[in-house]
Amino acid sequence: MSRYFIRRLLLVVPVLFGVSLFTFILFFIVPGDPVLSVVGERASPETVALIRAELGLDKPLPIQYATWVGRALKGDLGRSFLNRRSITESIQARFPVTLRLSLYSLAIAVALGIPAGVWAAVHKGTWIDAALRNVSLIGVCTPVIFQGLALQYIFGVWLGWLPVSGIGDGSWRHYLLPAVVLGTNIAAFQARLSRAVVLEVLDQDYIRTARAKGLSQRVIVYKHALRNAMIPIVTALGGSLGSLLVGSALTETIFALPGIGSYTLDAVFARDLPVVMGAFLFQAVVFVGVNVLLDGLYVLIDPRVRYD
C-alpha cells in the first residue's frame, strides 16, 4: 500500500505543473491588460510601461512563467499586483475562515443528508420516501444565491437573529447562515445518493440472509447495509469537502467572508495574475491532498480494499 501512495504523491507533481501552466496561459488569452487594473484607464503610456516593467510583465511569457515556478518551489508565491501584499501570507490568513466554514457545512450535510437518505430507503414507496425525495430535489435545484439572500433577509434583516455578513468576532453565529446554505445543498445531494446506494445494498443476498436469521431492522440497516454502502457515500463527501476547502466563492462573496474563494474571485476580476496563480496552486494541492486521504480512508471503511 505504501508504494501506491508514493505513486499517488509523485503524480501530484505533473498535476500541479499542469494547473499552474493552464492558469498562466488562460490568464493571457483572456482579453484585458492587468497593468490597467493597477494604474487605471487614463494613465499615460510612460506610466503603463514603467509599471509593466516593475511587475515583470515586459519579459517574454516563458521567462515570466519560469520565474514564477522558481519562486513557488521555494514557497514564495509572489505579491499581489494591486496591494503588493504577500500572497502566501494572505492565503494563510484566509484559509482558516474557509476551513471553519467547510467543517460547519460538512457537519450539517452529514447530520441531515445521510439519515434522510437511509430513512427514505427504509421506507421505500411510502409517503415518507416521497416527501424526502421531493425535499432533497428542491434542495439540489435551489440556487445558492437565492438561498443565501433569502436566509440573510429572514434571519438577519427581518428577525435580526444572526449577522448577515463578515466574521465579526469570529464566533459561530457569523458562520451559521453560510454553513446552512452550503450544508443543506450538499445534504440534498447526499440524501439522494444515500437512498440509492442503501436501496441497492438492501437487495443483496446477505441482507436477505440476515433477515432470515431474525436480525432486527435496525441492525440490518445500520450495521450491515449502511456500512457496505459507505464507500460511494464517503467518496461524495470527500469530493464535497475538497470543493469546500478550495473556497465557495459565491457563498463567501454573498456573506462577505474573507476566505479563499472570495479572494480568488476578486483576483480573477482584477486580473491579479500572481494571486490567481498562487490561489489556484494552493487549491490544487488541497484538492489532491483530500483525495489521497480519501484513498487511505477506504481501507479503514472496507478491509477488502487493497492497494497492493
Protein backbone atom coordinates (compact mmCIF):
# COMPACT_ATOMS: atom_id res chain seq x y z
CA MET A 1 0.00 0.00 0.00
CA SER A 2 2.90 2.34 0.70
CA ARG A 3 4.03 2.02 -2.92
CA TYR A 4 0.58 3.04 -4.07
CA PHE A 5 0.59 6.22 -2.02
CA ILE A 6 4.13 7.03 -3.11
CA ARG A 7 3.00 6.77 -6.73
CA ARG A 8 -0.03 8.96 -5.97
CA LEU A 9 2.18 11.60 -4.39
CA LEU A 10 4.56 11.52 -7.36
CA LEU A 11 1.61 12.11 -9.68
CA VAL A 12 0.85 15.29 -7.77
CA VAL A 13 3.85 16.99 -9.41
CA PRO A 14 2.58 16.86 -13.02
CA VAL A 15 -0.92 17.75 -11.83
CA LEU A 16 0.30 20.90 -10.10
CA PHE A 17 2.50 21.76 -13.07
CA GLY A 18 -0.46 21.36 -15.42
CA VAL A 19 -2.73 23.51 -13.23
CA SER A 20 -0.19 26.32 -13.00
CA LEU A 21 0.64 26.24 -16.72
CA PHE A 22 -3.02 26.16 -17.76
CA THR A 23 -3.85 29.06 -15.42
CA PHE A 24 -0.91 31.10 -16.70
CA ILE A 25 -1.82 30.57 -20.36
CA LEU A 26 -5.52 31.20 -19.80
CA PHE A 27 -4.77 34.45 -17.99
CA PHE A 28 -3.05 35.92 -21.06
CA ILE A 29 -5.60 34.54 -23.52
CA VAL A 30 -8.47 36.38 -21.84
CA PRO A 31 -8.77 39.97 -23.15
CA GLY A 32 -7.63 42.79 -20.88
CA ASP A 33 -4.46 44.29 -19.51
CA PRO A 34 -3.60 43.67 -15.83
CA VAL A 35 -1.49 46.84 -15.77
CA LEU A 36 -4.57 48.96 -16.46
CA SER A 37 -6.20 47.42 -13.39
CA VAL A 38 -3.35 48.88 -11.35
CA VAL A 39 -2.89 52.33 -12.92
CA GLY A 40 -6.36 52.94 -14.39
CA GLU A 41 -7.58 53.51 -17.93
CA ARG A 42 -6.35 57.11 -18.17
CA ALA A 43 -2.72 56.51 -17.27
CA SER A 44 -0.09 57.78 -19.68
CA PRO A 45 1.81 55.32 -21.89
CA GLU A 46 5.01 56.11 -19.98
CA THR A 47 3.37 55.20 -16.66
CA VAL A 48 1.93 51.98 -18.12
CA ALA A 49 5.35 50.99 -19.48
CA LEU A 50 7.02 51.77 -16.14
CA ILE A 51 4.53 49.70 -14.14
CA ARG A 52 4.71 46.87 -16.68
CA ALA A 53 8.49 46.72 -16.25
CA GLU A 54 8.19 46.93 -12.46
CA LEU A 55 5.77 43.98 -12.39
CA GLY A 56 7.91 41.95 -14.79
CA LEU A 57 5.20 41.84 -17.46
CA ASP A 58 7.54 43.21 -20.11
CA LYS A 59 9.51 39.96 -20.23
CA PRO A 60 8.68 37.05 -22.58
CA LEU A 61 5.95 34.74 -21.27
CA PRO A 62 8.22 31.67 -20.86
CA ILE A 63 10.59 33.71 -18.70
CA GLN A 64 7.70 35.05 -16.61
CA TYR A 65 6.38 31.53 -16.03
CA ALA A 66 9.83 30.08 -15.26
CA THR A 67 10.48 32.89 -12.77
CA TRP A 68 7.16 32.22 -11.02
CA VAL A 69 7.80 28.45 -10.86
CA GLY A 70 11.26 29.03 -9.38
CA ARG A 71 9.83 31.19 -6.63
CA ALA A 72 6.92 28.82 -5.99
CA LEU A 73 9.32 25.91 -5.47
CA LYS A 74 10.86 27.96 -2.66
CA GLY A 75 7.45 28.62 -1.10
CA ASP A 76 7.24 32.17 -2.39
CA LEU A 77 4.02 32.75 -4.35
CA GLY A 78 4.90 36.38 -5.00
CA ARG A 79 2.98 39.54 -4.23
CA SER A 80 -0.30 40.96 -5.42
CA PHE A 81 -0.16 43.41 -8.31
CA LEU A 82 -2.73 45.64 -6.62
CA ASN A 83 -1.71 45.93 -2.97
CA ARG A 84 1.78 44.34 -3.04
CA ARG A 85 0.86 42.05 -0.15
CA SER A 86 2.46 38.64 0.19
CA ILE A 87 0.17 36.03 -1.37
CA THR A 88 1.43 33.29 0.94
CA GLU A 89 0.57 35.38 3.99
CA SER A 90 -2.83 36.28 2.53
CA ILE A 91 -3.67 32.62 1.95
CA GLN A 92 -2.53 31.74 5.46
CA ALA A 93 -4.81 34.44 6.85
CA ARG A 94 -7.84 33.48 4.76
CA PHE A 95 -7.69 29.69 4.75
CA PRO A 96 -8.80 29.30 8.42
CA VAL A 97 -12.04 31.10 7.51
CA THR A 98 -12.67 28.72 4.61
CA LEU A 99 -11.66 25.71 6.72
CA ARG A 100 -14.05 26.60 9.51
CA LEU A 101 -16.89 27.24 7.08
CA SER A 102 -16.15 23.92 5.35
CA LEU A 103 -16.24 21.91 8.58
CA TYR A 104 -19.51 23.51 9.69
CA SER A 105 -21.05 22.89 6.27
CA LEU A 106 -19.89 19.29 6.13
CA ALA A 107 -21.25 18.62 9.63
CA ILE A 108 -24.67 19.90 8.56
CA ALA A 109 -24.52 17.82 5.38
CA VAL A 110 -23.66 14.62 7.25
CA ALA A 111 -26.22 15.22 10.00
CA LEU A 112 -29.05 15.84 7.53
CA GLY A 113 -28.16 14.07 4.30
CA ILE A 114 -27.18 10.54 5.31
CA PRO A 115 -30.00 9.93 7.84
CA ALA A 116 -32.56 11.33 5.38
CA GLY A 117 -31.28 9.06 2.60
CA VAL A 118 -31.28 5.97 4.81
CA TRP A 119 -34.74 6.81 6.18
CA ALA A 120 -36.09 7.20 2.64
CA ALA A 121 -34.57 3.87 1.57
CA VAL A 122 -36.02 2.02 4.55
CA HIS A 123 -39.49 3.48 3.81
CA LYS A 124 -39.29 2.99 0.04
CA GLY A 125 -42.59 3.63 -1.71
CA THR A 126 -44.23 5.36 1.26
CA TRP A 127 -45.16 9.00 1.77
CA ILE A 128 -42.01 9.42 3.86
CA ASP A 129 -39.88 8.37 0.91
CA ALA A 130 -41.77 10.65 -1.47
CA ALA A 131 -41.55 13.63 0.90
CA LEU A 132 -37.82 13.22 1.49
CA ARG A 133 -37.11 12.80 -2.22
CA ASN A 134 -39.10 15.92 -3.08
CA VAL A 135 -37.42 17.97 -0.37
CA SER A 136 -33.97 16.80 -1.50
CA LEU A 137 -34.85 17.63 -5.11
CA ILE A 138 -35.81 21.15 -4.09
CA GLY A 139 -32.55 21.45 -2.18
CA VAL A 140 -30.50 20.36 -5.18
CA CYS A 141 -32.30 22.71 -7.56
CA THR A 142 -32.35 25.82 -5.35
CA PRO A 143 -29.62 28.28 -6.44
CA VAL A 144 -27.10 29.14 -3.76
CA ILE A 145 -27.50 32.87 -4.37
CA PHE A 146 -31.28 32.71 -3.86
CA GLN A 147 -30.98 30.63 -0.72
CA GLY A 148 -28.26 32.87 0.69
CA LEU A 149 -30.16 36.10 0.09
CA ALA A 150 -33.38 34.58 1.46
CA LEU A 151 -31.68 33.47 4.68
CA GLN A 152 -29.99 36.85 5.05
CA TYR A 153 -33.33 38.63 4.80
CA ILE A 154 -35.29 36.25 7.05
CA PHE A 155 -32.79 35.64 9.86
CA GLY A 156 -30.66 38.76 9.54
CA VAL A 157 -32.95 41.61 8.48
CA TRP A 158 -36.47 40.52 9.41
CA LEU A 159 -35.87 38.52 12.61
CA GLY A 160 -32.49 40.04 13.47
CA TRP A 161 -31.21 36.80 14.96
CA LEU A 162 -27.96 36.39 13.04
CA PRO A 163 -25.37 38.63 11.34
CA VAL A 164 -25.71 38.77 7.57
CA SER A 165 -22.08 39.39 6.57
CA GLY A 166 -18.48 39.34 7.74
CA ILE A 167 -16.92 37.27 10.51
CA GLY A 168 -17.11 39.89 13.27
CA ASP A 169 -15.54 38.43 16.40
CA GLY A 170 -15.16 35.04 14.72
CA SER A 171 -18.00 33.36 16.62
CA TRP A 172 -20.06 30.53 15.14
CA ARG A 173 -23.02 32.91 14.65
CA HIS A 174 -21.24 34.58 11.72
CA TYR A 175 -20.69 31.22 10.03
CA LEU A 176 -24.10 29.70 10.62
CA LEU A 177 -26.04 31.15 7.67
CA PRO A 178 -23.38 30.45 5.01
CA ALA A 179 -22.81 26.99 6.51
CA VAL A 180 -26.54 26.27 6.26
CA VAL A 181 -26.54 27.38 2.62
CA LEU A 182 -23.63 25.11 1.70
CA GLY A 183 -24.52 22.28 4.08
CA THR A 184 -28.13 21.90 3.00
CA ASN A 185 -27.13 21.97 -0.67
CA ILE A 186 -24.66 19.12 -0.08
CA ALA A 187 -27.13 17.31 2.19
CA ALA A 188 -29.77 17.30 -0.54
CA PHE A 189 -27.42 15.57 -2.96
CA GLN A 190 -26.13 13.28 -0.21
CA ALA A 191 -29.66 12.21 0.71
CA ARG A 192 -30.45 11.16 -2.85
CA LEU A 193 -27.15 9.31 -3.18
CA SER A 194 -27.52 7.58 0.21
CA ARG A 195 -31.02 6.44 -0.66
CA ALA A 196 -29.85 4.95 -3.97
CA VAL A 197 -26.84 3.05 -2.60
CA VAL A 198 -28.65 1.80 0.51
CA LEU A 199 -31.52 0.52 -1.63
CA GLU A 200 -29.00 -1.31 -3.80
CA VAL A 201 -27.38 -2.92 -0.77
CA LEU A 202 -30.73 -3.91 0.77
CA ASP A 203 -31.39 -6.04 -2.32
CA GLN A 204 -28.26 -8.14 -1.79
CA ASP A 205 -28.42 -11.81 -0.79
CA TYR A 206 -26.61 -11.34 2.52
CA ILE A 207 -29.28 -8.87 3.63
CA ARG A 208 -31.97 -11.46 2.94
CA THR A 209 -29.90 -13.96 4.91
CA ALA A 210 -29.69 -11.51 7.82
CA ARG A 211 -33.45 -11.10 7.77
CA ALA A 212 -33.90 -14.87 7.69
CA LYS A 213 -31.75 -15.12 10.83
CA GLY A 214 -34.21 -12.87 12.60
CA LEU A 215 -31.97 -9.81 12.99
CA SER A 216 -33.78 -6.57 13.73
CA GLN A 217 -34.33 -3.99 11.02
CA ARG A 218 -32.13 -1.52 12.87
CA VAL A 219 -29.18 -3.93 12.96
CA ILE A 220 -29.65 -4.89 9.32
CA VAL A 221 -29.80 -1.30 8.11
CA TYR A 222 -27.14 0.39 10.25
CA LYS A 223 -24.69 -2.45 10.90
CA HIS A 224 -24.79 -4.27 7.58
CA ALA A 225 -26.41 -2.20 4.82
CA LEU A 226 -25.10 1.27 5.67
CA ARG A 227 -21.59 0.06 6.38
CA ASN A 228 -21.36 -1.63 2.99
CA ALA A 229 -22.79 1.45 1.30
CA MET A 230 -20.27 3.84 2.82
CA ILE A 231 -17.68 3.78 0.02
CA PRO A 232 -19.74 5.83 -2.50
CA ILE A 233 -21.16 7.98 0.31
CA VAL A 234 -17.70 8.83 1.66
CA THR A 235 -16.43 9.41 -1.88
CA ALA A 236 -19.14 12.02 -2.45
CA LEU A 237 -18.45 13.62 0.93
CA GLY A 238 -14.73 13.73 0.16
CA GLY A 239 -15.41 15.46 -3.13
CA SER A 240 -17.68 17.95 -1.37
CA LEU A 241 -15.05 18.61 1.30
CA GLY A 242 -12.41 19.21 -1.37
CA SER A 243 -14.68 21.68 -3.13
CA LEU A 244 -15.44 23.45 0.14
CA LEU A 245 -11.79 23.70 1.16
CA VAL A 246 -10.76 25.34 -2.11
CA GLY A 247 -13.33 28.03 -1.38
CA SER A 248 -17.00 28.53 -2.11
CA ALA A 249 -16.57 31.77 -3.99
CA LEU A 250 -20.24 32.65 -4.44
CA THR A 251 -21.26 31.95 -0.85
CA GLU A 252 -18.23 33.71 0.59
CA THR A 253 -18.96 36.73 -1.60
CA ILE A 254 -22.65 36.86 -0.65
CA PHE A 255 -21.83 36.76 3.07
CA ALA A 256 -18.64 38.88 2.75
CA LEU A 257 -16.42 36.19 4.26
CA PRO A 258 -12.67 36.76 3.77
CA GLY A 259 -11.98 33.21 2.60
CA ILE A 260 -10.04 31.60 -0.22
CA GLY A 261 -12.99 31.57 -2.61
CA SER A 262 -13.75 35.30 -2.46
CA TYR A 263 -10.01 36.05 -2.52
CA THR A 264 -9.62 34.10 -5.77
CA LEU A 265 -12.74 35.57 -7.34
CA ASP A 266 -11.64 39.14 -6.60
CA ALA A 267 -8.23 38.40 -8.10
CA VAL A 268 -9.76 37.00 -11.29
CA PHE A 269 -11.92 40.09 -11.79
CA ALA A 270 -8.94 42.36 -11.08
CA ARG A 271 -6.66 40.30 -13.35
CA ASP A 272 -4.19 39.99 -10.49
CA LEU A 273 -2.05 37.23 -12.02
CA PRO A 274 0.18 36.33 -9.02
CA VAL A 275 -2.85 35.96 -6.75
CA VAL A 276 -4.73 33.85 -9.31
CA MET A 277 -1.70 31.61 -9.86
CA GLY A 278 -0.97 31.23 -6.15
CA ALA A 279 -4.58 30.63 -5.15
CA PHE A 280 -5.16 28.05 -7.89
CA LEU A 281 -1.95 26.22 -6.99
CA PHE A 282 -2.93 26.13 -3.32
CA GLN A 283 -6.41 24.91 -4.19
CA ALA A 284 -4.97 22.15 -6.36
CA VAL A 285 -2.72 21.00 -3.51
CA VAL A 286 -5.67 20.92 -1.10
CA PHE A 287 -7.94 19.05 -3.50
CA VAL A 288 -5.30 16.45 -4.36
CA GLY A 289 -4.47 16.04 -0.67
CA VAL A 290 -8.11 15.38 0.20
CA ASN A 291 -8.32 12.70 -2.49
CA VAL A 292 -5.15 10.98 -1.28
CA LEU A 293 -6.50 10.92 2.29
CA LEU A 294 -9.76 9.57 0.90
CA ASP A 295 -7.92 6.60 -0.59
CA GLY A 296 -6.50 5.81 2.83
CA LEU A 297 -9.93 6.10 4.41
CA TYR A 298 -11.32 3.43 2.08
CA VAL A 299 -9.10 0.84 3.74
CA LEU A 300 -10.49 1.70 7.16
CA ILE A 301 -14.09 1.59 5.95
CA ASP A 302 -13.81 -1.64 3.97
CA PRO A 303 -10.98 -4.09 4.86
CA ARG A 304 -11.49 -5.76 1.48
CA VAL A 305 -9.95 -2.72 -0.25
CA ARG A 306 -6.31 -3.32 -1.11
CA TYR A 307 -3.75 -1.21 -2.95
CA ASP A 308 -1.16 -3.94 -3.45
